[in-house]
Amino acid sequence: MNNQFRMKIKALTENVAFTRSCISAFCVGLNPSLEQLDEIKTSSSEAITNAIVHAYPTGGDNFIYVEVRIEDTNLTIIVEDEGVGIEDISQAIQPFFTTKAEEEHSGMGFTLINSFMDKVDIISTKDKGTKIVMQKNIVESTNV
């Protein structure tokens, strides 16, 4: 099966659940296990939430772009923003690192994404934005 969709959402926290639901519904045709589906939902939520919280610190009328592709048994999820970018990716991916400690963010977003997805690429340019490319090979579940 080969398929894809792309969406543009406002950078608002109320859009996280909707987008996560769209992504998980889209990949159901691959027949993932419940565990795989939870991992996809969690990783998607973390990437989208990171973009909302960190990309646009001054607020405003901003957007996040989400693209999801299915190629055979491979799922690719791309979350992209046009925000401030990540100054030091190697620091940002460290467990418990956060620039928003005062807002009670745990700093575990990238750690969760990396543990749940098979491959993660983070591309970021200061003042131009960040793109997170997450890939997962879906092994079809026999527990339906």
N, C-alpha and C. Protein backbone atom coordinates (compact mmCIF):
# COMPACT_ATOMS: atom_id res chain seq x y z
N MET A 1 0.84 -1.17 0.00
CA MET A 1 0.00 0.00 0.00
C MET A 1 0.89 1.24 0.00
N ASN A 2 0.61 2.18 -0.87
CA ASN A 2 1.30 3.46 -0.90
C ASN A 2 0.25 4.56 -0.85
N ASN A 3 0.43 5.48 0.10
CA ASN A 3 -0.56 6.53 0.30
C ASN A 3 0.11 7.67 1.06
N GLN A 4 -0.52 8.84 1.05
CA GLN A 4 0.01 9.95 1.83
C GLN A 4 -1.05 11.03 2.03
N PHE A 5 -0.83 11.85 3.05
CA PHE A 5 -1.64 13.05 3.22
C PHE A 5 -0.78 14.13 3.85
N ARG A 6 -1.20 15.36 3.68
CA ARG A 6 -0.51 16.52 4.24
C ARG A 6 -1.56 17.46 4.81
N MET A 7 -1.25 18.02 5.98
CA MET A 7 -2.18 18.98 6.58
C MET A 7 -1.41 20.16 7.16
N LYS A 8 -2.09 21.26 7.24
CA LYS A 8 -1.56 22.48 7.82
C LYS A 8 -2.49 22.84 8.98
N ILE A 9 -1.92 22.94 10.18
CA ILE A 9 -2.74 23.25 11.34
C ILE A 9 -2.18 24.49 12.04
N LYS A 10 -3.06 25.22 12.68
CA LYS A 10 -2.60 26.34 13.52
C LYS A 10 -1.84 25.76 14.70
N ALA A 11 -0.82 26.48 15.13
CA ALA A 11 0.01 26.05 16.25
C ALA A 11 -0.71 26.30 17.57
N LEU A 12 -1.74 25.49 17.81
CA LEU A 12 -2.55 25.58 19.02
C LEU A 12 -2.60 24.21 19.69
N THR A 13 -2.51 24.19 21.01
CA THR A 13 -2.51 22.91 21.72
C THR A 13 -3.78 22.10 21.48
N GLU A 14 -4.90 22.77 21.22
CA GLU A 14 -6.13 22.02 20.98
C GLU A 14 -6.11 21.25 19.66
N ASN A 15 -5.12 21.48 18.82
CA ASN A 15 -5.01 20.74 17.57
C ASN A 15 -4.17 19.47 17.67
N VAL A 16 -3.52 19.26 18.81
CA VAL A 16 -2.67 18.07 18.97
C VAL A 16 -3.50 16.79 18.91
N ALA A 17 -4.56 16.70 19.67
CA ALA A 17 -5.37 15.47 19.70
C ALA A 17 -6.01 15.18 18.35
N PHE A 18 -6.50 16.21 17.68
CA PHE A 18 -7.10 16.02 16.37
C PHE A 18 -6.08 15.46 15.37
N THR A 19 -4.90 16.07 15.34
CA THR A 19 -3.87 15.64 14.40
C THR A 19 -3.39 14.23 14.71
N ARG A 20 -3.20 13.94 16.00
CA ARG A 20 -2.81 12.58 16.42
C ARG A 20 -3.85 11.56 15.96
N SER A 21 -5.12 11.89 16.09
CA SER A 21 -6.19 10.99 15.66
C SER A 21 -6.16 10.77 14.15
N CYS A 22 -5.92 11.83 13.40
CA CYS A 22 -5.84 11.70 11.93
C CYS A 22 -4.69 10.77 11.54
N ILE A 23 -3.55 10.95 12.18
CA ILE A 23 -2.38 10.12 11.86
C ILE A 23 -2.65 8.65 12.19
N SER A 24 -3.20 8.39 13.37
CA SER A 24 -3.43 7.00 13.76
C SER A 24 -4.50 6.35 12.90
N ALA A 25 -5.55 7.10 12.55
CA ALA A 25 -6.59 6.55 11.67
C ALA A 25 -6.02 6.24 10.30
N PHE A 26 -5.15 7.08 9.81
CA PHE A 26 -4.56 6.90 8.48
C PHE A 26 -3.72 5.62 8.40
N CYS A 27 -3.01 5.29 9.47
CA CYS A 27 -2.11 4.14 9.41
C CYS A 27 -2.77 2.82 9.81
N VAL A 28 -4.05 2.84 10.16
CA VAL A 28 -4.76 1.62 10.56
C VAL A 28 -4.75 0.58 9.44
N GLY A 29 -4.74 1.02 8.19
CA GLY A 29 -4.70 0.10 7.06
C GLY A 29 -3.47 -0.80 7.04
N LEU A 30 -2.42 -0.39 7.76
CA LEU A 30 -1.23 -1.22 7.87
C LEU A 30 -1.39 -2.33 8.91
N ASN A 31 -2.51 -2.30 9.64
CA ASN A 31 -2.81 -3.27 10.68
C ASN A 31 -1.73 -3.32 11.76
N PRO A 32 -1.41 -2.16 12.36
CA PRO A 32 -0.41 -2.17 13.42
C PRO A 32 -0.96 -2.80 14.70
N SER A 33 -0.08 -3.24 15.56
CA SER A 33 -0.51 -3.73 16.87
C SER A 33 -0.95 -2.52 17.70
N LEU A 34 -1.64 -2.76 18.79
CA LEU A 34 -2.04 -1.68 19.67
C LEU A 34 -0.82 -0.95 20.23
N GLU A 35 0.23 -1.71 20.51
CA GLU A 35 1.47 -1.12 21.02
C GLU A 35 2.08 -0.19 19.97
N GLN A 36 2.15 -0.65 18.72
CA GLN A 36 2.68 0.20 17.65
C GLN A 36 1.83 1.45 17.47
N LEU A 37 0.53 1.30 17.51
CA LEU A 37 -0.36 2.43 17.36
C LEU A 37 -0.17 3.45 18.50
N ASP A 38 -0.02 2.96 19.71
CA ASP A 38 0.26 3.86 20.84
C ASP A 38 1.59 4.59 20.66
N GLU A 39 2.59 3.88 20.17
CA GLU A 39 3.90 4.50 19.94
C GLU A 39 3.81 5.59 18.87
N ILE A 40 3.05 5.34 17.82
CA ILE A 40 2.86 6.32 16.75
C ILE A 40 2.12 7.55 17.29
N LYS A 41 1.07 7.31 18.06
CA LYS A 41 0.29 8.41 18.63
C LYS A 41 1.13 9.25 19.59
N THR A 42 1.90 8.60 20.44
CA THR A 42 2.74 9.31 21.40
C THR A 42 3.81 10.12 20.69
N SER A 43 4.48 9.50 19.72
CA SER A 43 5.54 10.21 18.98
C SER A 43 4.99 11.40 18.22
N SER A 44 3.85 11.22 17.58
CA SER A 44 3.21 12.32 16.85
C SER A 44 2.86 13.46 17.80
N SER A 45 2.25 13.12 18.92
CA SER A 45 1.87 14.14 19.91
C SER A 45 3.08 14.91 20.41
N GLU A 46 4.15 14.19 20.70
CA GLU A 46 5.36 14.85 21.21
C GLU A 46 5.95 15.80 20.18
N ALA A 47 6.04 15.37 18.92
CA ALA A 47 6.61 16.22 17.87
C ALA A 47 5.76 17.46 17.64
N ILE A 48 4.46 17.29 17.60
CA ILE A 48 3.55 18.42 17.37
C ILE A 48 3.57 19.37 18.58
N THR A 49 3.54 18.81 19.77
CA THR A 49 3.59 19.63 20.98
C THR A 49 4.90 20.41 21.06
N ASN A 50 6.01 19.75 20.73
CA ASN A 50 7.31 20.46 20.71
C ASN A 50 7.25 21.67 19.78
N ALA A 51 6.67 21.48 18.60
CA ALA A 51 6.58 22.59 17.65
C ALA A 51 5.72 23.71 18.21
N ILE A 52 4.60 23.38 18.81
CA ILE A 52 3.71 24.41 19.36
C ILE A 52 4.39 25.17 20.50
N VAL A 53 5.03 24.44 21.41
CA VAL A 53 5.60 25.05 22.61
C VAL A 53 6.89 25.81 22.32
N HIS A 54 7.74 25.25 21.45
CA HIS A 54 9.08 25.81 21.30
C HIS A 54 9.30 26.64 20.03
N ALA A 55 8.60 26.36 18.96
CA ALA A 55 8.88 27.03 17.69
C ALA A 55 8.44 28.48 17.68
N TYR A 56 7.34 28.76 18.35
CA TYR A 56 6.74 30.09 18.28
C TYR A 56 6.57 30.68 19.68
N PRO A 57 7.66 31.04 20.34
CA PRO A 57 7.56 31.50 21.73
C PRO A 57 6.80 32.82 21.91
N THR A 58 6.68 33.60 20.86
CA THR A 58 5.98 34.88 20.99
C THR A 58 4.52 34.79 20.57
N GLY A 59 4.07 33.59 20.24
CA GLY A 59 2.68 33.41 19.84
C GLY A 59 2.46 33.91 18.43
N GLY A 60 1.26 34.35 18.14
CA GLY A 60 0.95 34.86 16.81
C GLY A 60 0.18 33.85 15.98
N ASP A 61 0.02 34.19 14.72
CA ASP A 61 -0.74 33.37 13.78
C ASP A 61 0.22 32.43 13.04
N ASN A 62 0.56 31.31 13.68
CA ASN A 62 1.59 30.41 13.17
C ASN A 62 1.00 29.04 12.84
N PHE A 63 1.73 28.32 12.00
CA PHE A 63 1.25 27.03 11.53
C PHE A 63 2.29 25.94 11.68
N ILE A 64 1.79 24.71 11.73
CA ILE A 64 2.61 23.51 11.72
C ILE A 64 2.13 22.66 10.56
N TYR A 65 3.07 22.04 9.87
CA TYR A 65 2.77 21.23 8.69
C TYR A 65 3.06 19.77 9.05
N VAL A 66 2.11 18.91 8.75
CA VAL A 66 2.25 17.49 9.04
C VAL A 66 2.04 16.72 7.75
N GLU A 67 2.97 15.85 7.44
CA GLU A 67 2.84 14.98 6.28
C GLU A 67 3.03 13.54 6.74
N VAL A 68 2.19 12.66 6.26
CA VAL A 68 2.28 11.25 6.62
C VAL A 68 2.30 10.44 5.34
N ARG A 69 3.27 9.53 5.25
CA ARG A 69 3.41 8.68 4.06
C ARG A 69 3.46 7.22 4.46
N ILE A 70 2.81 6.42 3.65
CA ILE A 70 2.90 4.97 3.78
C ILE A 70 3.50 4.44 2.49
N GLU A 71 4.59 3.72 2.63
CA GLU A 71 5.22 3.06 1.49
C GLU A 71 5.46 1.61 1.91
N ASP A 72 4.68 0.72 1.33
CA ASP A 72 4.70 -0.69 1.72
C ASP A 72 4.37 -0.80 3.21
N THR A 73 5.32 -1.24 4.04
CA THR A 73 5.06 -1.35 5.47
C THR A 73 5.74 -0.24 6.26
N ASN A 74 6.27 0.76 5.57
CA ASN A 74 6.98 1.85 6.23
C ASN A 74 6.10 3.08 6.38
N LEU A 75 6.04 3.59 7.59
CA LEU A 75 5.29 4.79 7.90
C LEU A 75 6.29 5.92 8.15
N THR A 76 6.07 7.05 7.48
CA THR A 76 6.90 8.24 7.69
C THR A 76 5.99 9.38 8.12
N ILE A 77 6.35 10.02 9.21
CA ILE A 77 5.60 11.16 9.72
C ILE A 77 6.57 12.33 9.78
N ILE A 78 6.19 13.43 9.13
CA ILE A 78 7.03 14.63 9.10
C ILE A 78 6.25 15.76 9.77
N VAL A 79 6.86 16.36 10.77
CA VAL A 79 6.27 17.51 11.46
C VAL A 79 7.23 18.67 11.26
N GLU A 80 6.70 19.76 10.70
CA GLU A 80 7.56 20.88 10.32
C GLU A 80 6.95 22.20 10.78
N ASP A 81 7.82 23.10 11.22
CA ASP A 81 7.38 24.44 11.61
C ASP A 81 8.30 25.47 10.95
N GLU A 82 7.92 26.72 11.06
CA GLU A 82 8.72 27.82 10.51
C GLU A 82 9.13 28.77 11.63
N GLY A 83 9.44 28.17 12.76
CA GLY A 83 9.72 28.95 13.97
C GLY A 83 11.17 29.29 14.17
N VAL A 84 11.56 29.38 15.44
CA VAL A 84 12.88 29.88 15.83
C VAL A 84 14.01 28.88 15.59
N GLY A 85 13.68 27.62 15.38
CA GLY A 85 14.71 26.60 15.19
C GLY A 85 15.29 26.13 16.52
N ILE A 86 16.10 25.11 16.43
CA ILE A 86 16.76 24.54 17.61
C ILE A 86 18.24 24.90 17.51
N GLU A 87 18.74 25.62 18.51
CA GLU A 87 20.13 26.05 18.48
C GLU A 87 21.11 24.88 18.53
N ASP A 88 20.88 23.94 19.43
CA ASP A 88 21.80 22.83 19.64
C ASP A 88 20.99 21.53 19.71
N ILE A 89 20.90 20.84 18.58
CA ILE A 89 20.09 19.61 18.52
C ILE A 89 20.64 18.55 19.47
N SER A 90 21.97 18.43 19.56
CA SER A 90 22.54 17.40 20.44
C SER A 90 22.16 17.64 21.90
N GLN A 91 22.00 18.88 22.29
CA GLN A 91 21.55 19.20 23.64
C GLN A 91 20.04 18.96 23.78
N ALA A 92 19.29 19.35 22.76
CA ALA A 92 17.82 19.24 22.80
C ALA A 92 17.34 17.80 22.90
N ILE A 93 18.11 16.84 22.39
CA ILE A 93 17.67 15.44 22.42
C ILE A 93 18.06 14.72 23.71
N GLN A 94 18.76 15.41 24.59
CA GLN A 94 19.16 14.80 25.86
C GLN A 94 17.93 14.64 26.77
N PRO A 95 17.82 13.49 27.43
CA PRO A 95 16.70 13.31 28.36
C PRO A 95 16.65 14.42 29.41
N PHE A 96 15.47 14.91 29.66
CA PHE A 96 15.16 15.92 30.66
C PHE A 96 15.61 17.34 30.30
N PHE A 97 16.17 17.54 29.09
CA PHE A 97 16.52 18.91 28.70
C PHE A 97 15.25 19.63 28.24
N THR A 98 15.03 20.80 28.79
CA THR A 98 13.90 21.62 28.37
C THR A 98 14.27 23.09 28.49
N THR A 99 13.73 23.88 27.61
CA THR A 99 13.90 25.33 27.70
C THR A 99 12.69 25.95 28.38
N LYS A 100 11.74 25.11 28.81
CA LYS A 100 10.49 25.60 29.40
C LYS A 100 10.23 24.94 30.76
N ALA A 101 11.24 24.82 31.59
CA ALA A 101 11.08 24.19 32.90
C ALA A 101 10.03 24.90 33.75
N GLU A 102 9.95 26.22 33.62
CA GLU A 102 8.98 26.98 34.41
C GLU A 102 7.54 26.64 34.04
N GLU A 103 7.35 26.04 32.88
CA GLU A 103 6.01 25.63 32.44
C GLU A 103 5.77 24.14 32.66
N GLU A 104 6.62 23.52 33.45
CA GLU A 104 6.51 22.11 33.82
C GLU A 104 6.59 21.15 32.64
N HIS A 105 7.44 21.47 31.67
CA HIS A 105 7.70 20.52 30.58
C HIS A 105 8.85 19.62 31.02
N SER A 106 8.71 18.32 30.79
CA SER A 106 9.66 17.36 31.34
C SER A 106 10.95 17.22 30.55
N GLY A 107 10.96 17.63 29.30
CA GLY A 107 12.16 17.47 28.49
C GLY A 107 12.36 16.05 27.99
N MET A 108 11.28 15.28 27.91
CA MET A 108 11.39 13.89 27.47
C MET A 108 10.83 13.64 26.07
N GLY A 109 10.40 14.70 25.38
CA GLY A 109 9.77 14.55 24.06
C GLY A 109 10.63 13.80 23.06
N PHE A 110 11.85 14.29 22.82
CA PHE A 110 12.71 13.63 21.84
C PHE A 110 13.14 12.24 22.31
N THR A 111 13.28 12.06 23.62
CA THR A 111 13.64 10.74 24.15
C THR A 111 12.55 9.73 23.83
N LEU A 112 11.29 10.12 24.05
CA LEU A 112 10.18 9.23 23.73
C LEU A 112 10.11 8.95 22.22
N ILE A 113 10.23 9.98 21.43
CA ILE A 113 10.18 9.81 19.97
C ILE A 113 11.26 8.83 19.52
N ASN A 114 12.48 9.03 20.00
CA ASN A 114 13.59 8.16 19.60
C ASN A 114 13.40 6.72 20.08
N SER A 115 12.75 6.53 21.21
CA SER A 115 12.57 5.16 21.70
C SER A 115 11.43 4.44 20.99
N PHE A 116 10.45 5.18 20.47
CA PHE A 116 9.29 4.55 19.84
C PHE A 116 9.39 4.41 18.32
N MET A 117 10.20 5.22 17.68
CA MET A 117 10.30 5.18 16.22
C MET A 117 11.59 4.47 15.82
N ASP A 118 11.60 3.92 14.60
CA ASP A 118 12.78 3.20 14.13
C ASP A 118 13.90 4.14 13.70
N LYS A 119 13.52 5.29 13.16
CA LYS A 119 14.51 6.26 12.69
C LYS A 119 13.93 7.65 12.89
N VAL A 120 14.77 8.57 13.39
CA VAL A 120 14.34 9.94 13.61
C VAL A 120 15.44 10.87 13.10
N ASP A 121 15.05 11.82 12.27
CA ASP A 121 15.96 12.85 11.80
C ASP A 121 15.39 14.21 12.20
N ILE A 122 16.26 15.06 12.74
CA ILE A 122 15.86 16.40 13.13
C ILE A 122 16.71 17.37 12.32
N ILE A 123 16.05 18.20 11.54
CA ILE A 123 16.72 19.19 10.73
C ILE A 123 16.22 20.55 11.20
N SER A 124 17.14 21.42 11.59
CA SER A 124 16.71 22.70 12.13
C SER A 124 17.67 23.80 11.72
N THR A 125 17.11 24.96 11.40
CA THR A 125 17.89 26.13 11.05
C THR A 125 17.39 27.30 11.89
N LYS A 126 18.32 27.98 12.52
CA LYS A 126 17.96 29.11 13.38
C LYS A 126 17.11 30.11 12.60
N ASP A 127 16.01 30.50 13.21
CA ASP A 127 15.06 31.48 12.68
C ASP A 127 14.36 31.06 11.39
N LYS A 128 14.48 29.78 11.01
CA LYS A 128 13.79 29.29 9.81
C LYS A 128 12.87 28.12 10.11
N GLY A 129 13.14 27.41 11.21
CA GLY A 129 12.25 26.32 11.58
C GLY A 129 12.92 24.99 11.76
N THR A 130 12.08 24.02 12.08
CA THR A 130 12.53 22.66 12.38
C THR A 130 11.66 21.65 11.66
N LYS A 131 12.30 20.60 11.19
CA LYS A 131 11.59 19.48 10.57
C LYS A 131 12.01 18.21 11.30
N ILE A 132 11.01 17.46 11.76
CA ILE A 132 11.26 16.18 12.41
C ILE A 132 10.69 15.10 11.50
N VAL A 133 11.55 14.18 11.08
CA VAL A 133 11.15 13.08 10.21
C VAL A 133 11.24 11.80 11.03
N MET A 134 10.08 11.16 11.24
CA MET A 134 10.01 9.95 12.05
C MET A 134 9.59 8.79 11.16
N GLN A 135 10.29 7.68 11.27
CA GLN A 135 9.96 6.51 10.45
C GLN A 135 9.77 5.29 11.33
N LYS A 136 8.80 4.48 10.93
CA LYS A 136 8.52 3.24 11.66
C LYS A 136 8.10 2.17 10.65
N ASN A 137 8.69 1.01 10.78
CA ASN A 137 8.27 -0.13 9.97
C ASN A 137 7.18 -0.86 10.74
N ILE A 138 6.03 -1.00 10.12
CA ILE A 138 4.90 -1.63 10.78
C ILE A 138 4.88 -3.12 10.46
N VAL A 139 5.08 -3.91 11.50
CA VAL A 139 4.96 -5.34 11.37
C VAL A 139 3.50 -5.67 11.63
N GLU A 140 2.84 -6.23 10.65
CA GLU A 140 1.39 -6.45 10.76
C GLU A 140 1.04 -7.29 11.97
N SER A 141 0.07 -6.82 12.69
CA SER A 141 -0.39 -7.50 13.90
C SER A 141 -1.31 -8.67 13.55
N THR A 142 -1.14 -9.75 14.27
CA THR A 142 -2.04 -10.88 14.09
C THR A 142 -3.13 -10.87 15.17
N ASN A 143 -3.02 -9.93 16.11
CA ASN A 143 -4.01 -9.79 17.19
C ASN A 143 -5.02 -8.72 16.83
N VAL A 144 -6.01 -9.07 16.06
CA VAL A 144 -7.01 -8.08 15.64
C VAL A 144 -8.23 -8.19 16.50
